[in-house]
PDB file of N, CA and C in Angstrom:
ATOM      1  N   UNK A   1      29.373  32.169 122.352  1.00  0.00           N
ATOM      2  CA  UNK A   1      29.728  33.516 122.739  1.00  0.00           C
ATOM      3  C   UNK A   1      28.612  34.074 123.614  1.00  0.00           C
ATOM      4  N   UNK A   2      29.044  34.724 124.643  1.00  0.00           N
ATOM      5  CA  UNK A   2      28.025  35.300 125.515  1.00  0.00           C
ATOM      6  C   UNK A   2      27.605  36.682 125.003  1.00  0.00           C
ATOM      7  N   UNK A   3      26.639  37.268 125.615  1.00  0.00           N
ATOM      8  CA  UNK A   3      26.066  38.540 125.184  1.00  0.00           C
ATOM      9  C   UNK A   3      27.085  39.674 125.274  1.00  0.00           C
ATOM     10  N   UNK A   4      27.884  39.646 126.319  1.00  0.00           N
ATOM     11  CA  UNK A   4      28.883  40.713 126.486  1.00  0.00           C
ATOM     12  C   UNK A   4      29.943  40.634 125.398  1.00  0.00           C
ATOM     13  N   UNK A   5      30.368  39.464 125.053  1.00  0.00           N
ATOM     14  CA  UNK A   5      31.372  39.282 124.006  1.00  0.00           C
ATOM     15  C   UNK A   5      30.806  39.714 122.659  1.00  0.00           C
ATOM     16  N   UNK A   6      29.534  39.377 122.409  1.00  0.00           N
ATOM     17  CA  UNK A   6      28.893  39.801 121.163  1.00  0.00           C
ATOM     18  C   UNK A   6      28.791  41.328 121.100  1.00  0.00           C
ATOM     19  N   UNK A   7      28.457  41.927 122.209  1.00  0.00           N
ATOM     20  CA  UNK A   7      28.359  43.393 122.263  1.00  0.00           C
ATOM     21  C   UNK A   7      29.716  44.037 121.971  1.00  0.00           C
ATOM     22  N   UNK A   8      30.760  43.532 122.631  1.00  0.00           N
ATOM     23  CA  UNK A   8      32.115  44.065 122.413  1.00  0.00           C
ATOM     24  C   UNK A   8      32.520  43.865 120.966  1.00  0.00           C
ATOM     25  N   UNK A   9      32.211  42.698 120.418  1.00  0.00           N
ATOM     26  CA  UNK A   9      32.544  42.405 119.030  1.00  0.00           C
ATOM     27  C   UNK A   9      31.814  43.362 118.088  1.00  0.00           C
ATOM     28  N   UNK A  10      30.524  43.609 118.338  1.00  0.00           N
ATOM     29  CA  UNK A  10      29.770  44.524 117.470  1.00  0.00           C
ATOM     30  C   UNK A  10      30.281  45.956 117.593  1.00  0.00           C
ATOM     31  N   UNK A  11      30.652  46.364 118.807  1.00  0.00           N
ATOM     32  CA  UNK A  11      31.216  47.707 118.996  1.00  0.00           C
ATOM     33  C   UNK A  11      32.534  47.831 118.239  1.00  0.00           C
ATOM     34  N   UNK A  12      33.369  46.804 118.330  1.00  0.00           N
ATOM     35  CA  UNK A  12      34.655  46.827 117.632  1.00  0.00           C
ATOM     36  C   UNK A  12      34.454  46.843 116.116  1.00  0.00           C
ATOM     37  N   UNK A  13      33.474  46.061 115.640  1.00  0.00           N
ATOM     38  CA  UNK A  13      33.168  46.063 114.208  1.00  0.00           C
ATOM     39  C   UNK A  13      32.692  47.446 113.758  1.00  0.00           C
ATOM     40  N   UNK A  14      31.860  48.075 114.551  1.00  0.00           N
ATOM     41  CA  UNK A  14      31.363  49.414 114.223  1.00  0.00           C
ATOM     42  C   UNK A  14      32.516  50.414 114.181  1.00  0.00           C
ATOM     43  N   UNK A  15      33.403  50.315 115.171  1.00  0.00           N
ATOM     44  CA  UNK A  15      34.565  51.219 115.189  1.00  0.00           C
ATOM     45  C   UNK A  15      35.465  50.969 113.981  1.00  0.00           C
ATOM     46  N   UNK A  16      35.654  49.701 113.638  1.00  0.00           N
ATOM     47  CA  UNK A  16      36.485  49.361 112.487  1.00  0.00           C
ATOM     48  C   UNK A  16      35.871  49.913 111.198  1.00  0.00           C
ATOM     49  N   UNK A  17      34.558  49.735 111.039  1.00  0.00           N
ATOM     50  CA  UNK A  17      33.879  50.263 109.853  1.00  0.00           C
ATOM     51  C   UNK A  17      33.985  51.785 109.789  1.00  0.00           C
ATOM     52  N   UNK A  18      33.824  52.441 110.938  1.00  0.00           N
ATOM     53  CA  UNK A  18      33.938  53.900 110.988  1.00  0.00           C
ATOM     54  C   UNK A  18      35.356  54.333 110.622  1.00  0.00           C
ATOM     55  N   UNK A  19      36.347  53.623 111.153  1.00  0.00           N
ATOM     56  CA  UNK A  19      37.744  53.948 110.850  1.00  0.00           C
ATOM     57  C   UNK A  19      38.026  53.752 109.365  1.00  0.00           C
ATOM     58  N   UNK A  20      37.478  52.687 108.766  1.00  0.00           N
ATOM     59  CA  UNK A  20      37.673  52.436 107.334  1.00  0.00           C
ATOM     60  C   UNK A  20      37.006  53.524 106.493  1.00  0.00           C
ATOM     61  N   UNK A  21      35.800  53.956 106.899  1.00  0.00           N
ATOM     62  CA  UNK A  21      35.119  55.050 106.181  1.00  0.00           C
ATOM     63  C   UNK A  21      35.944  56.328 106.254  1.00  0.00           C
ATOM     64  N   UNK A  22      36.461  56.644 107.444  1.00  0.00           N
ATOM     65  CA  UNK A  22      37.295  57.840 107.596  1.00  0.00           C
ATOM     66  C   UNK A  22      38.558  57.729 106.750  1.00  0.00           C
ATOM     67  N   UNK A  23      39.170  56.523 106.775  1.00  0.00           N
ATOM     68  CA  UNK A  23      40.369  56.302 105.965  1.00  0.00           C
ATOM     69  C   UNK A  23      40.064  56.514 104.488  1.00  0.00           C
ATOM     70  N   UNK A  24      38.956  55.954 104.020  1.00  0.00           N
ATOM     71  CA  UNK A  24      38.577  56.103 102.620  1.00  0.00           C
ATOM     72  C   UNK A  24      38.295  57.566 102.273  1.00  0.00           C
ATOM     73  N   UNK A  25      37.667  58.278 103.196  1.00  0.00           N
ATOM     74  CA  UNK A  25      37.397  59.701 102.969  1.00  0.00           C
ATOM     75  C   UNK A  25      38.712  60.477 102.877  1.00  0.00           C
ATOM     76  N   UNK A  26      39.670  60.173 103.754  1.00  0.00           N
ATOM     77  CA  UNK A  26      40.972  60.846 103.709  1.00  0.00           C
ATOM     78  C   UNK A  26      41.720  60.513 102.420  1.00  0.00           C
ATOM     79  N   UNK A  27      41.632  59.251 101.987  1.00  0.00           N
ATOM     80  CA  UNK A  27      42.274  58.863 100.729  1.00  0.00           C
ATOM     81  C   UNK A  27      41.665  59.627  99.557  1.00  0.00           C
ATOM     82  N   UNK A  28      40.339  59.759  99.583  1.00  0.00           N
ATOM     83  CA  UNK A  28      39.668  60.484  98.508  1.00  0.00           C
ATOM     84  C   UNK A  28      40.093  61.954  98.510  1.00  0.00           C
ATOM     85  N   UNK A  29      40.148  62.572  99.682  1.00  0.00           N
ATOM     86  CA  UNK A  29      40.603  63.960  99.777  1.00  0.00           C
ATOM     87  C   UNK A  29      42.037  64.088  99.287  1.00  0.00           C
ATOM     88  N   UNK A  30      42.891  63.125  99.689  1.00  0.00           N
ATOM     89  CA  UNK A  30      44.285  63.145  99.259  1.00  0.00           C
ATOM     90  C   UNK A  30      44.380  63.069  97.743  1.00  0.00           C
ATOM     91  N   UNK A  31      43.624  62.157  97.138  1.00  0.00           N
ATOM     92  CA  UNK A  31      43.650  62.002  95.688  1.00  0.00           C
ATOM     93  C   UNK A  31      43.165  63.271  94.983  1.00  0.00           C
ATOM     94  N   UNK A  32      42.128  63.893  95.528  1.00  0.00           N
ATOM     95  CA  UNK A  32      41.628  65.143  94.947  1.00  0.00           C
ATOM     96  C   UNK A  32      42.667  66.251  95.066  1.00  0.00           C
ATOM     97  N   UNK A  33      43.341  66.317  96.203  1.00  0.00           N
ATOM     98  CA  UNK A  33      44.382  67.332  96.384  1.00  0.00           C
ATOM     99  C   UNK A  33      45.554  67.105  95.431  1.00  0.00           C
ATOM    100  N   UNK A  34      45.935  65.850  95.250  1.00  0.00           N
ATOM    101  CA  UNK A  34      47.016  65.537  94.309  1.00  0.00           C
ATOM    102  C   UNK A  34      46.623  65.968  92.901  1.00  0.00           C
ATOM    103  N   UNK A  35      45.371  65.699  92.534  1.00  0.00           N
ATOM    104  CA  UNK A  35      44.869  66.094  91.214  1.00  0.00           C
ATOM    105  C   UNK A  35      44.858  67.622  91.082  1.00  0.00           C
ATOM    106  N   UNK A  36      44.397  68.317  92.116  1.00  0.00           N
ATOM    107  CA  UNK A  36      44.364  69.783  92.099  1.00  0.00           C
ATOM    108  C   UNK A  36      45.772  70.367  91.990  1.00  0.00           C
ATOM    109  N   UNK A  37      46.715  69.782  92.710  1.00  0.00           N
ATOM    110  CA  UNK A  37      48.100  70.267  92.649  1.00  0.00           C
ATOM    111  C   UNK A  37      48.663  70.082  91.242  1.00  0.00           C
ATOM    112  N   UNK A  38      48.371  68.953  90.617  1.00  0.00           N
ATOM    113  CA  UNK A  38      48.833  68.712  89.248  1.00  0.00           C
ATOM    114  C   UNK A  38      48.244  69.750  88.292  1.00  0.00           C
ATOM    115  N   UNK A  39      46.957  70.062  88.468  1.00  0.00           N
ATOM    116  CA  UNK A  39      46.322  71.081  87.620  1.00  0.00           C
ATOM    117  C   UNK A  39      46.941  72.453  87.863  1.00  0.00           C
ATOM    118  N   UNK A  40      47.213  72.770  89.127  1.00  0.00           N
ATOM    119  CA  UNK A  40      47.830  74.060  89.438  1.00  0.00           C
ATOM    120  C   UNK A  40      49.232  74.169  88.850  1.00  0.00           C
ATOM    121  N   UNK A  41      49.982  73.082  88.908  1.00  0.00           N
ATOM    122  CA  UNK A  41      51.328  73.099  88.317  1.00  0.00           C
ATOM    123  C   UNK A  41      51.259  73.320  86.815  1.00  0.00           C
ATOM    124  N   UNK A  42      50.318  72.672  86.168  1.00  0.00           N
ATOM    125  CA  UNK A  42      50.152  72.848  84.727  1.00  0.00           C
ATOM    126  C   UNK A  42      49.750  74.290  84.402  1.00  0.00           C
ATOM    127  N   UNK A  43      48.830  74.821  85.173  1.00  0.00           N
ATOM    128  CA  UNK A  43      48.391  76.211  84.964  1.00  0.00           C
ATOM    129  C   UNK A  43      49.544  77.179  85.213  1.00  0.00           C
ATOM    130  N   UNK A  44      50.337  76.903  86.234  1.00  0.00           N
ATOM    131  CA  UNK A  44      51.489  77.744  86.540  1.00  0.00           C
ATOM    132  C   UNK A  44      52.486  77.721  85.383  1.00  0.00           C
ATOM    133  N   UNK A  45      52.699  76.546  84.811  1.00  0.00           N
ATOM    134  CA  UNK A  45      53.613  76.422  83.677  1.00  0.00           C
ATOM    135  C   UNK A  45      53.100  77.243  82.490  1.00  0.00           C
ATOM    136  N   UNK A  46      51.789  77.163  82.233  1.00  0.00           N
ATOM    137  CA  UNK A  46      51.194  77.944  81.140  1.00  0.00           C
ATOM    138  C   UNK A  46      51.344  79.441  81.386  1.00  0.00           C
ATOM    139  N   UNK A  47      51.108  79.871  82.621  1.00  0.00           N
ATOM    140  CA  UNK A  47      51.231  81.293  82.941  1.00  0.00           C
ATOM    141  C   UNK A  47      52.673  81.773  82.809  1.00  0.00           C
ATOM    142  N   UNK A  48      53.628  80.948  83.201  1.00  0.00           N
ATOM    143  CA  UNK A  48      55.033  81.325  83.039  1.00  0.00           C
ATOM    144  C   UNK A  48      55.376  81.478  81.564  1.00  0.00           C
ATOM    145  N   UNK A  49      54.856  80.579  80.731  1.00  0.00           N
ATOM    146  CA  UNK A  49      55.098  80.671  79.292  1.00  0.00           C
ATOM    147  C   UNK A  49      54.491  81.963  78.724  1.00  0.00           C
ATOM    148  N   UNK A  50      53.261  82.270  79.130  1.00  0.00           N
ATOM    149  CA  UNK A  50      52.612  83.504  78.675  1.00  0.00           C
ATOM    150  C   UNK A  50      53.376  84.733  79.158  1.00  0.00           C
ATOM    151  N   UNK A  51      53.892  84.681  80.377  1.00  0.00           N
ATOM    152  CA  UNK A  51      54.651  85.797  80.932  1.00  0.00           C
ATOM    153  C   UNK A  51      55.914  86.038  80.107  1.00  0.00           C
ATOM    154  N   UNK A  52      56.616  84.965  79.742  1.00  0.00           N
ATOM    155  CA  UNK A  52      57.820  85.110  78.922  1.00  0.00           C
ATOM    156  C   UNK A  52      57.479  85.727  77.572  1.00  0.00           C
ATOM    157  N   UNK A  53      56.380  85.271  76.977  1.00  0.00           N
ATOM    158  CA  UNK A  53      55.971  85.802  75.676  1.00  0.00           C
ATOM    159  C   UNK A  53      55.641  87.290  75.776  1.00  0.00           C
ATOM    160  N   UNK A  54      54.946  87.679  76.830  1.00  0.00           N
ATOM    161  CA  UNK A  54      54.604  89.094  77.007  1.00  0.00           C
ATOM    162  C   UNK A  54      55.847  89.938  77.237  1.00  0.00           C
ATOM    163  N   UNK A  55      56.803  89.415  77.997  1.00  0.00           N
ATOM    164  CA  UNK A  55      58.047  90.161  78.229  1.00  0.00           C
ATOM    165  C   UNK A  55      58.820  90.353  76.931  1.00  0.00           C
ATOM    166  N   UNK A  56      58.889  89.311  76.101  1.00  0.00           N
ATOM    167  CA  UNK A  56      59.567  89.437  74.814  1.00  0.00           C
ATOM    168  C   UNK A  56      58.864  90.456  73.926  1.00  0.00           C
ATOM    169  N   UNK A  57      57.549  90.418  73.934  1.00  0.00           N
ATOM    170  CA  UNK A  57      56.779  91.359  73.126  1.00  0.00           C
ATOM    171  C   UNK A  57      56.996  92.785  73.622  1.00  0.00           C
ATOM    172  N   UNK A  58      56.996  92.976  74.929  1.00  0.00           N
ATOM    173  CA  UNK A  58      57.215  94.309  75.490  1.00  0.00           C
ATOM    174  C   UNK A  58      58.607  94.813  75.150  1.00  0.00           C
ATOM    175  N   UNK A  59      59.591  93.931  75.174  1.00  0.00           N
ATOM    176  CA  UNK A  59      60.958  94.320  74.836  1.00  0.00           C
ATOM    177  C   UNK A  59      61.046  94.758  73.387  1.00  0.00           C
ATOM    178  N   UNK A  60      60.398  94.019  72.489  1.00  0.00           N
ATOM    179  CA  UNK A  60      60.457  94.397  71.078  1.00  0.00           C
ATOM    180  C   UNK A  60      59.742  95.727  70.847  1.00  0.00           C
ATOM    181  N   UNK A  61      58.615  95.955  71.540  1.00  0.00           N
ATOM    182  CA  UNK A  61      57.938  97.243  71.402  1.00  0.00           C
ATOM    183  C   UNK A  61      58.798  98.374  71.948  1.00  0.00           C
ATOM    184  N   UNK A  62      59.483  98.130  73.056  1.00  0.00           N
ATOM    185  CA  UNK A  62      60.353  99.162  73.611  1.00  0.00           C
ATOM    186  C   UNK A  62      61.492  99.460  72.649  1.00  0.00           C
ATOM    187  N   UNK A  63      62.072  98.429  72.030  1.00  0.00           N
ATOM    188  CA  UNK A  63      63.153  98.642  71.064  1.00  0.00           C
ATOM    189  C   UNK A  63      62.662  99.467  69.875  1.00  0.00           C
ATOM    190  N   UNK A  64      61.461  99.157  69.392  1.00  0.00           N
ATOM    191  CA  UNK A  64      60.908  99.932  68.274  1.00  0.00           C
ATOM    192  C   UNK A  64      60.662 101.380  68.691  1.00  0.00           C
ATOM    193  N   UNK A  65      60.160 101.575  69.901  1.00  0.00           N
ATOM    194  CA  UNK A  65      59.911 102.927  70.394  1.00  0.00           C
ATOM    195  C   UNK A  65      61.221 103.698  70.517  1.00  0.00           C
ATOM    196  N   UNK A  66      62.249 103.073  71.067  1.00  0.00           N
ATOM    197  CA  UNK A  66      63.547 103.735  71.230  1.00  0.00           C
ATOM    198  C   UNK A  66      64.137 104.098  69.868  1.00  0.00           C
ATOM    199  N   UNK A  67      63.996 103.199  68.895  1.00  0.00           N
ATOM    200  CA  UNK A  67      64.505 103.478  67.550  1.00  0.00           C
ATOM    201  C   UNK A  67      63.744 104.642  66.916  1.00  0.00           C
ATOM    202  N   UNK A  68      62.437 104.683  67.081  1.00  0.00           N
ATOM    203  CA  UNK A  68      61.669 105.792  66.506  1.00  0.00           C
ATOM    204  C   UNK A  68      62.013 107.115  67.187  1.00  0.00           C
ATOM    205  N   UNK A  69      62.268 107.076  68.495  1.00  0.00           N
ATOM    206  CA  UNK A  69      62.676 108.303  69.193  1.00  0.00           C
ATOM    207  C   UNK A  69      64.038 108.776  68.697  1.00  0.00           C
ATOM    208  N   UNK A  70      64.959 107.841  68.441  1.00  0.00           N
ATOM    209  CA  UNK A  70      66.277 108.211  67.927  1.00  0.00           C
ATOM    210  C   UNK A  70      66.139 108.870  66.554  1.00  0.00           C
ATOM    211  N   UNK A  71      65.298 108.296  65.704  1.00  0.00           N
ATOM    212  CA  UNK A  71      65.091 108.877  64.377  1.00  0.00           C
ATOM    213  C   UNK A  71      64.414 110.241  64.474  1.00  0.00           C
ATOM    214  N   UNK A  72      63.452 110.361  65.371  1.00  0.00           N
ATOM    215  CA  UNK A  72      62.774 111.643  65.565  1.00  0.00           C
ATOM    216  C   UNK A  72      63.757 112.711  66.001  1.00  0.00           C
ATOM    217  N   UNK A  73      64.608 112.380  66.939  1.00  0.00           N
ATOM    218  CA  UNK A  73      65.615 113.340  67.404  1.00  0.00           C
ATOM    219  C   UNK A  73      66.579 113.711  66.289  1.00  0.00           C
ATOM    220  N   UNK A  74      66.959 112.746  65.450  1.00  0.00           N
ATOM    221  CA  UNK A  74      67.860 113.038  64.336  1.00  0.00           C
ATOM    222  C   UNK A  74      67.193 113.992  63.351  1.00  0.00           C
ATOM    223  N   UNK A  75      65.938 113.745  63.025  1.00  0.00           N
ATOM    224  CA  UNK A  75      65.230 114.642  62.115  1.00  0.00           C
ATOM    225  C   UNK A  75      65.043 116.028  62.739  1.00  0.00           C
ATOM    226  N   UNK A  76      64.786 116.093  64.037  1.00  0.00           N
ATOM    227  CA  UNK A  76      64.667 117.386  64.709  1.00  0.00           C
ATOM    228  C   UNK A  76      65.979 118.157  64.650  1.00  0.00           C
ATOM    229  N   UNK A  77      67.090 117.468  64.853  1.00  0.00           N
ATOM    230  CA  UNK A  77      68.396 118.128  64.763  1.00  0.00           C
ATOM    231  C   UNK A  77      68.638 118.655  63.357  1.00  0.00           C
ATOM    232  N   UNK A  78      68.248 117.874  62.370  1.00  0.00           N
ATOM    233  CA  UNK A  78      68.402 118.312  60.980  1.00  0.00           C
ATOM    234  C   UNK A  78      67.561 119.558  60.729  1.00  0.00           C
ATOM    235  N   UNK A  79      66.327 119.552  61.182  1.00  0.00           N
ATOM    236  CA  UNK A  79      65.440 120.698  60.969  1.00  0.00           C
ATOM    237  C   UNK A  79      65.983 121.944  61.650  1.00  0.00           C
ATOM    238  N   UNK A  80      66.468 121.809  62.874  1.00  0.00           N
ATOM    239  CA  UNK A  80      67.012 122.961  63.594  1.00  0.00           C
ATOM    240  C   UNK A  80      68.235 123.501  62.878  1.00  0.00           C
ATOM    241  N   UNK A  81      69.100 122.608  62.419  1.00  0.00           N
ATOM    242  CA  UNK A  81      70.326 123.034  61.737  1.00  0.00           C
ATOM    243  C   UNK A  81      69.998 123.733  60.426  1.00  0.00           C
ATOM    244  N   UNK A  82      69.110 123.176  59.641  1.00  0.00           N
ATOM    245  CA  UNK A  82      68.774 123.746  58.334  1.00  0.00           C
ATOM    246  C   UNK A  82      68.069 125.086  58.502  1.00  0.00           C
ATOM    247  N   UNK A  83      67.176 125.198  59.461  1.00  0.00           N
ATOM    248  CA  UNK A  83      66.403 126.425  59.622  1.00  0.00           C
ATOM    249  C   UNK A  83      67.204 127.550  60.276  1.00  0.00           C
ATOM    250  N   UNK A  84      68.265 127.218  60.989  1.00  0.00           N
ATOM    251  CA  UNK A  84      68.982 128.259  61.722  1.00  0.00           C
ATOM    252  C   UNK A  84      70.140 128.872  60.952  1.00  0.00           C
ATOM    253  N   UNK A  85      70.508 128.330  59.817  1.00  0.00           N
ATOM    254  CA  UNK A  85      71.676 128.830  59.086  1.00  0.00           C
ATOM    255  C   UNK A  85      71.253 129.860  58.034  1.00  0.00           C
ATOM    256  N   UNK A  86      72.105 130.913  57.898  1.00  0.00           N
ATOM    257  CA  UNK A  86      71.842 131.960  56.912  1.00  0.00           C
ATOM    258  C   UNK A  86      72.760 131.850  55.704  1.00  0.00           C
ATOM    259  N   UNK A  87      73.943 131.352  55.907  1.00  0.00           N
ATOM    260  CA  UNK A  87      74.961 131.310  54.873  1.00  0.00           C
ATOM    261  C   UNK A  87      74.635 130.229  53.838  1.00  0.00           C
ATOM    262  N   UNK A  88      74.802 130.570  52.537  1.00  0.00           N
ATOM    263  CA  UNK A  88      74.515 129.619  51.456  1.00  0.00           C
ATOM    264  C   UNK A  88      75.457 128.422  51.481  1.00  0.00           C
ATOM    265  N   UNK A  89      76.724 128.661  51.802  1.00  0.00           N
ATOM    266  CA  UNK A  89      77.696 127.563  51.856  1.00  0.00           C
ATOM    267  C   UNK A  89      77.295 126.577  52.957  1.00  0.00           C
ATOM    268  N   UNK A  90      76.930 127.137  54.104  1.00  0.00           N
ATOM    269  CA  UNK A  90      76.524 126.274  55.217  1.00  0.00           C
ATOM    270  C   UNK A  90      75.220 125.558  54.872  1.00  0.00           C
ATOM    271  N   UNK A  91      74.316 126.241  54.174  1.00  0.00           N
ATOM    272  CA  UNK A  91      73.066 125.591  53.768  1.00  0.00           C
ATOM    273  C   UNK A  91      73.346 124.406  52.848  1.00  0.00           C
ATOM    274  N   UNK A  92      74.259 124.587  51.882  1.00  0.00           N
ATOM    275  CA  UNK A  92      74.605 123.489  50.973  1.00  0.00           C
ATOM    276  C   UNK A  92      75.229 122.324  51.738  1.00  0.00           C
ATOM    277  N   UNK A  93      76.110 122.651  52.683  1.00  0.00           N
ATOM    278  CA  UNK A  93      76.734 121.600  53.496  1.00  0.00           C
ATOM    279  C   UNK A  93      75.667 120.879  54.324  1.00  0.00           C
ATOM    280  N   UNK A  94      74.765 121.670  54.881  1.00  0.00           N
ATOM    281  CA  UNK A  94      73.696 121.066  55.688  1.00  0.00           C
ATOM    282  C   UNK A  94      72.793 120.179  54.844  1.00  0.00           C
ATOM    283  N   UNK A  95      72.525 120.618  53.603  1.00  0.00           N
ATOM    284  CA  UNK A  95      71.694 119.797  52.721  1.00  0.00           C
ATOM    285  C   UNK A  95      72.373 118.466  52.415  1.00  0.00           C
ATOM    286  N   UNK A  96      73.687 118.510  52.198  1.00  0.00           N
ATOM    287  CA  UNK A  96      74.426 117.272  51.944  1.00  0.00           C
ATOM    288  C   UNK A  96      74.379 116.375  53.182  1.00  0.00           C
ATOM    289  N   UNK A  97      74.646 116.983  54.338  1.00  0.00           N
ATOM    290  CA  UNK A  97      74.605 116.216  55.586  1.00  0.00           C
ATOM    291  C   UNK A  97      73.196 115.664  55.816  1.00  0.00           C
ATOM    292  N   UNK A  98      72.209 116.480  55.533  1.00  0.00           N
ATOM    293  CA  UNK A  98      70.822 116.043  55.701  1.00  0.00           C
ATOM    294  C   UNK A  98      70.528 114.833  54.822  1.00  0.00           C
ATOM    295  N   UNK A  99      70.947 114.886  53.570  1.00  0.00           N
ATOM    296  CA  UNK A  99      70.719 113.761  52.663  1.00  0.00           C
ATOM    297  C   UNK A  99      71.423 112.497  53.162  1.00  0.00           C
ATOM    298  N   UNK A 100      72.649 112.658  53.645  1.00  0.00           N
ATOM    299  CA  UNK A 100      73.398 111.497  54.151  1.00  0.00           C
ATOM    300  C   UNK A 100      72.691 110.896  55.362  1.00  0.00           C
ATOM    301  N   UNK A 101      72.282 111.760  56.285  1.00  0.00           N
ATOM    302  CA  UNK A 101      71.614 111.264  57.495  1.00  0.00           C
ATOM    303  C   UNK A 101      70.295 110.587  57.140  1.00  0.00           C
ATOM    304  N   UNK A 102      69.533 111.190  56.246  1.00  0.00           N
ATOM    305  CA  UNK A 102      68.255 110.596  55.842  1.00  0.00           C
ATOM    306  C   UNK A 102      68.484 109.247  55.164  1.00  0.00           C
ATOM    307  N   UNK A 103      69.492 109.181  54.283  1.00  0.00           N
ATOM    308  CA  UNK A 103      69.802 107.902  53.631  1.00  0.00           C
ATOM    309  C   UNK A 103      70.186 106.835  54.657  1.00  0.00           C
ATOM    310  N   UNK A 104      70.991 107.230  55.637  1.00  0.00           N
ATOM    311  CA  UNK A 104      71.392 106.273  56.678  1.00  0.00           C
ATOM    312  C   UNK A 104      70.183 105.798  57.480  1.00  0.00           C
ATOM    313  N   UNK A 105      69.298 106.725  57.809  1.00  0.00           N
ATOM    314  CA  UNK A 105      68.111 106.346  58.576  1.00  0.00           C
ATOM    315  C   UNK A 105      67.191 105.432  57.768  1.00  0.00           C
ATOM    316  N   UNK A 106      67.077 105.710  56.466  1.00  0.00           N
ATOM    317  CA  UNK A 106      66.220 104.879  55.624  1.00  0.00           C
ATOM    318  C   UNK A 106      66.804 103.484  55.439  1.00  0.00           C
ATOM    319  N   UNK A 107      68.128 103.371  55.385  1.00  0.00           N
ATOM    320  CA  UNK A 107      68.766 102.055  55.244  1.00  0.00           C
ATOM    321  C   UNK A 107      68.561 101.204  56.483  1.00  0.00           C
ATOM    322  N   UNK A 108      68.472 101.836  57.648  1.00  0.00           N
ATOM    323  CA  UNK A 108      68.324 101.096  58.905  1.00  0.00           C
ATOM    324  C   UNK A 108      66.955 100.445  59.019  1.00  0.00           C
ATOM    325  N   UNK A 109      65.982 100.947  58.326  1.00  0.00           N
ATOM    326  CA  UNK A 109      64.638 100.362  58.398  1.00  0.00           C
ATOM    327  C   UNK A 109      64.668  99.066  57.708  1.00  0.00           C
TER     328      UNK A 109
END
């Protein structure tokens, strides 16, 4: 082999080695990205699960709040009715109604 052929061969070998290093670097980056994507998918799945749990919890708290507001309004209506009546017959009727409503509210708990 002459000097020029050796030079061309060494240049080609250097280029090949450089190309292989770049290829290996790209493969490593690709593998890291694949790993990162897998971790992100897992984290996303966990966050979706937590989100569902929080929504269910918020719904149950809202239901409890709505039920307590309904009971509060019922007791307020009873108080207004009992305090506003002057007639003894109406008071007795209101007391009976009050007892029935209170019993119904207590059974619902």
